[in-house]
């Protein structure tokens, strides 16, 4: 039975993601990808116009996966700071389960690739930061943060924490898992947020 075009595209992307899991991070060529798939390079180009388009497919998958859950969190969880906690937990879990895609998120897999790919990742990270900022604004309306708190600085801090954990995971050859110290570190981040509030002892 013939493989449907959509299924073949997905298989190509899954194989690319698997190849990106190599800790040494060698540059992936279409020849190597075709060899892994046991097909010709011409067969790859029937589904994707270029290697850059394959990476775009991965980025689209990452964005859909993350924001599908982020939108669910923001619609179902009313407490702003709880939204922040759940979003960070999502980002760490996604990386831990998807090693190859973590290398895409930190840009390591995009070195020497088309510049527009890094621009797509930058835009994705900006959207994550905006989600943090919105959750912090909700926290302020709930009087958990001061109305004049620096939401932008806090949102950027949270973004940098997640990206830093991704980076450490990839650079360690995937040995230092993003979730390893999360239970201990969330209270520290929570206190950093509370330090922007007028709560007693903050």
Protein backbone atom coordinates (compact mmCIF):
# COMPACT_ATOMS: atom_id res chain seq x y z
CA UNK A 1 0.00 0.00 0.00
CA UNK A 2 1.43 3.36 -1.07
CA UNK A 3 2.34 5.93 1.57
CA UNK A 4 0.23 9.08 1.43
CA UNK A 5 2.17 12.33 0.70
CA UNK A 6 1.33 13.81 4.10
CA UNK A 7 2.52 10.65 5.88
CA UNK A 8 5.76 10.63 3.88
CA UNK A 9 6.42 14.27 4.75
CA UNK A 10 5.87 13.50 8.42
CA UNK A 11 8.22 10.52 8.23
CA UNK A 12 10.92 12.73 6.68
CA UNK A 13 10.54 15.30 9.46
CA UNK A 14 10.58 12.61 12.16
CA UNK A 15 13.78 11.17 10.70
CA UNK A 16 15.38 14.61 10.52
CA UNK A 17 14.49 15.20 14.18
CA UNK A 18 16.00 11.83 15.12
CA UNK A 19 19.24 12.68 13.30
CA UNK A 20 19.43 15.96 15.21
CA UNK A 21 19.53 14.01 18.48
CA UNK A 22 23.21 13.19 17.91
CA UNK A 23 25.03 15.00 20.76
CA UNK A 24 28.04 15.88 18.57
CA UNK A 25 25.69 17.80 16.31
CA UNK A 26 27.29 17.20 12.91
CA UNK A 27 25.80 19.15 10.03
CA UNK A 28 23.01 17.13 8.43
CA UNK A 29 23.05 16.88 4.64
CA UNK A 30 20.20 15.88 2.41
CA UNK A 31 22.41 13.00 1.21
CA UNK A 32 22.70 11.67 4.77
CA UNK A 33 18.98 12.13 5.35
CA UNK A 34 18.15 10.32 2.11
CA UNK A 35 20.49 7.48 3.08
CA UNK A 36 18.78 7.12 6.46
CA UNK A 37 15.40 7.00 4.71
CA UNK A 38 16.75 4.63 2.05
CA UNK A 39 15.62 6.84 -0.78
CA UNK A 40 17.16 9.26 -3.27
CA UNK A 41 17.67 12.97 -2.67
CA UNK A 42 15.32 13.56 -5.59
CA UNK A 43 12.63 11.70 -3.63
CA UNK A 44 13.10 14.12 -0.72
CA UNK A 45 12.70 17.09 -3.02
CA UNK A 46 9.35 15.77 -4.21
CA UNK A 47 8.05 16.54 -0.71
CA UNK A 48 10.18 19.56 0.25
CA UNK A 49 11.63 22.17 -2.07
CA UNK A 50 14.78 22.52 0.07
CA UNK A 51 16.41 21.49 3.32
CA UNK A 52 15.37 24.87 4.72
CA UNK A 53 11.76 23.94 4.04
CA UNK A 54 12.28 20.72 6.02
CA UNK A 55 13.52 22.74 8.99
CA UNK A 56 10.56 25.08 8.59
CA UNK A 57 8.32 22.02 8.84
CA UNK A 58 9.98 21.12 12.15
CA UNK A 59 9.59 24.67 13.46
CA UNK A 60 5.92 24.67 12.47
CA UNK A 61 5.47 21.40 14.38
CA UNK A 62 7.22 22.84 17.46
CA UNK A 63 5.11 26.00 17.38
CA UNK A 64 1.84 24.09 16.93
CA UNK A 65 2.74 21.68 19.73
CA UNK A 66 3.75 24.37 22.22
CA UNK A 67 1.04 26.90 21.54
CA UNK A 68 -1.67 24.28 21.35
CA UNK A 69 -0.93 23.55 25.01
CA UNK A 70 -0.19 27.17 25.99
CA UNK A 71 -3.58 28.23 24.65
CA UNK A 72 -5.18 25.42 26.61
CA UNK A 73 -3.38 26.54 29.78
CA UNK A 74 -4.43 30.16 29.41
CA UNK A 75 -8.05 29.23 28.70
CA UNK A 76 -8.43 26.70 31.51
CA UNK A 77 -6.21 28.12 34.29
CA UNK A 78 -7.42 31.44 35.68
CA UNK A 79 -4.56 32.23 38.07
CA UNK A 80 -1.80 34.21 36.37
CA UNK A 81 1.19 32.88 38.29
CA UNK A 82 -0.07 29.32 37.91
CA UNK A 83 -0.17 29.92 34.15
CA UNK A 84 3.49 30.94 34.33
CA UNK A 85 4.39 27.77 36.22
CA UNK A 86 2.52 25.53 33.80
CA UNK A 87 4.00 27.20 30.71
CA UNK A 88 7.57 26.86 31.96
CA UNK A 89 6.92 23.22 32.90
CA UNK A 90 5.61 22.63 29.38
CA UNK A 91 8.72 24.16 27.79
CA UNK A 92 11.04 22.01 29.90
CA UNK A 93 9.08 18.79 29.31
CA UNK A 94 8.88 19.39 25.55
CA UNK A 95 12.66 19.77 25.33
CA UNK A 96 13.33 16.72 27.49
CA UNK A 97 11.10 14.56 25.26
CA UNK A 98 12.30 16.05 21.95
CA UNK A 99 16.08 16.23 21.91
CA UNK A 100 16.46 17.01 18.23
CA UNK A 101 13.88 19.78 18.37
CA UNK A 102 15.70 21.27 21.37
CA UNK A 103 18.69 21.79 19.08
CA UNK A 104 16.38 23.61 16.67
CA UNK A 105 14.98 25.80 19.48
CA UNK A 106 18.43 26.95 20.62
CA UNK A 107 19.55 27.54 17.03
CA UNK A 108 22.37 24.99 17.23
CA UNK A 109 20.90 22.92 14.41
CA UNK A 110 20.39 26.02 12.26
CA UNK A 111 24.03 27.15 12.03
CA UNK A 112 24.96 27.65 8.37
CA UNK A 113 21.32 27.16 7.34
CA UNK A 114 19.03 29.81 5.83
CA UNK A 115 18.84 32.96 8.00
CA UNK A 116 15.05 32.95 7.86
CA UNK A 117 15.01 29.81 10.03
CA UNK A 118 16.64 31.55 12.97
CA UNK A 119 14.26 34.46 12.42
CA UNK A 120 11.34 32.00 12.74
CA UNK A 121 12.75 30.68 16.02
CA UNK A 122 13.27 34.22 17.30
CA UNK A 123 9.63 34.97 16.51
CA UNK A 124 8.50 31.81 18.31
CA UNK A 125 10.50 32.80 21.41
CA UNK A 126 9.03 36.30 21.27
CA UNK A 127 5.55 34.76 21.30
CA UNK A 128 6.45 32.66 24.35
CA UNK A 129 7.74 35.78 26.10
CA UNK A 130 4.49 37.56 25.23
CA UNK A 131 2.53 34.67 26.79
CA UNK A 132 4.54 35.08 29.99
CA UNK A 133 3.90 38.82 29.96
CA UNK A 134 0.16 38.33 29.57
CA UNK A 135 0.08 35.81 32.43
CA UNK A 136 1.99 38.28 34.64
CA UNK A 137 -0.48 41.04 33.78
CA UNK A 138 -3.30 38.70 34.86
CA UNK A 139 -1.42 38.08 38.12
CA UNK A 140 -1.31 41.83 38.67
CA UNK A 141 -5.08 42.14 38.21
CA UNK A 142 -5.38 39.43 40.87
CA UNK A 143 -3.17 41.56 43.16
CA UNK A 144 -0.36 38.99 43.15
CA UNK A 145 1.90 41.54 41.46
CA UNK A 146 2.00 45.31 41.65
CA UNK A 147 0.14 47.03 38.79
CA UNK A 148 3.37 48.89 37.95
CA UNK A 149 5.59 45.78 38.09
CA UNK A 150 8.08 45.47 35.24
CA UNK A 151 6.22 42.77 33.34
CA UNK A 152 8.61 42.97 30.40
CA UNK A 153 11.70 42.33 32.53
CA UNK A 154 10.02 39.44 34.36
CA UNK A 155 8.77 37.85 31.14
CA UNK A 156 12.27 38.08 29.66
CA UNK A 157 13.75 36.52 32.80
CA UNK A 158 11.36 33.56 32.47
CA UNK A 159 12.15 33.17 28.76
CA UNK A 160 15.89 33.23 29.48
CA UNK A 161 15.47 30.59 32.18
CA UNK A 162 13.73 28.19 29.79
CA UNK A 163 16.19 28.83 26.94
CA UNK A 164 19.10 28.41 29.35
CA UNK A 165 17.81 25.03 30.47
CA UNK A 166 17.39 23.98 26.81
CA UNK A 167 20.92 25.15 26.05
CA UNK A 168 22.42 23.29 29.00
CA UNK A 169 20.57 20.12 27.98
CA UNK A 170 21.89 20.19 24.43
CA UNK A 171 25.44 21.26 25.35
CA UNK A 172 25.72 18.48 27.94
CA UNK A 173 25.04 15.85 25.32
CA UNK A 174 21.49 15.57 26.70
CA UNK A 175 22.72 14.44 30.13
CA UNK A 176 21.58 17.47 32.17
CA UNK A 177 17.84 17.16 31.85
CA UNK A 178 15.72 20.35 31.88
CA UNK A 179 13.33 19.01 34.53
CA UNK A 180 16.08 17.82 36.91
CA UNK A 181 15.98 20.83 39.28
CA UNK A 182 12.61 22.26 38.30
CA UNK A 183 10.91 21.54 41.67
CA UNK A 184 13.68 23.45 43.46
CA UNK A 185 13.97 26.27 40.94
CA UNK A 186 10.31 27.15 40.47
CA UNK A 187 10.01 28.54 44.04
CA UNK A 188 13.04 30.76 43.27
CA UNK A 189 11.40 32.08 40.11
CA UNK A 190 8.11 32.46 41.97
CA UNK A 191 9.86 34.57 44.61
CA UNK A 192 11.44 36.67 41.86
CA UNK A 193 7.92 37.40 40.61
CA UNK A 194 6.65 38.11 44.14
CA UNK A 195 9.51 40.53 44.71
CA UNK A 196 7.61 42.75 42.25
CA UNK A 197 4.53 42.69 44.48
CA UNK A 198 3.42 44.53 47.52
CA UNK A 199 2.79 41.30 49.44
CA UNK A 200 4.11 41.14 53.05
CA UNK A 201 7.66 39.88 53.19
CA UNK A 202 8.22 40.38 49.48
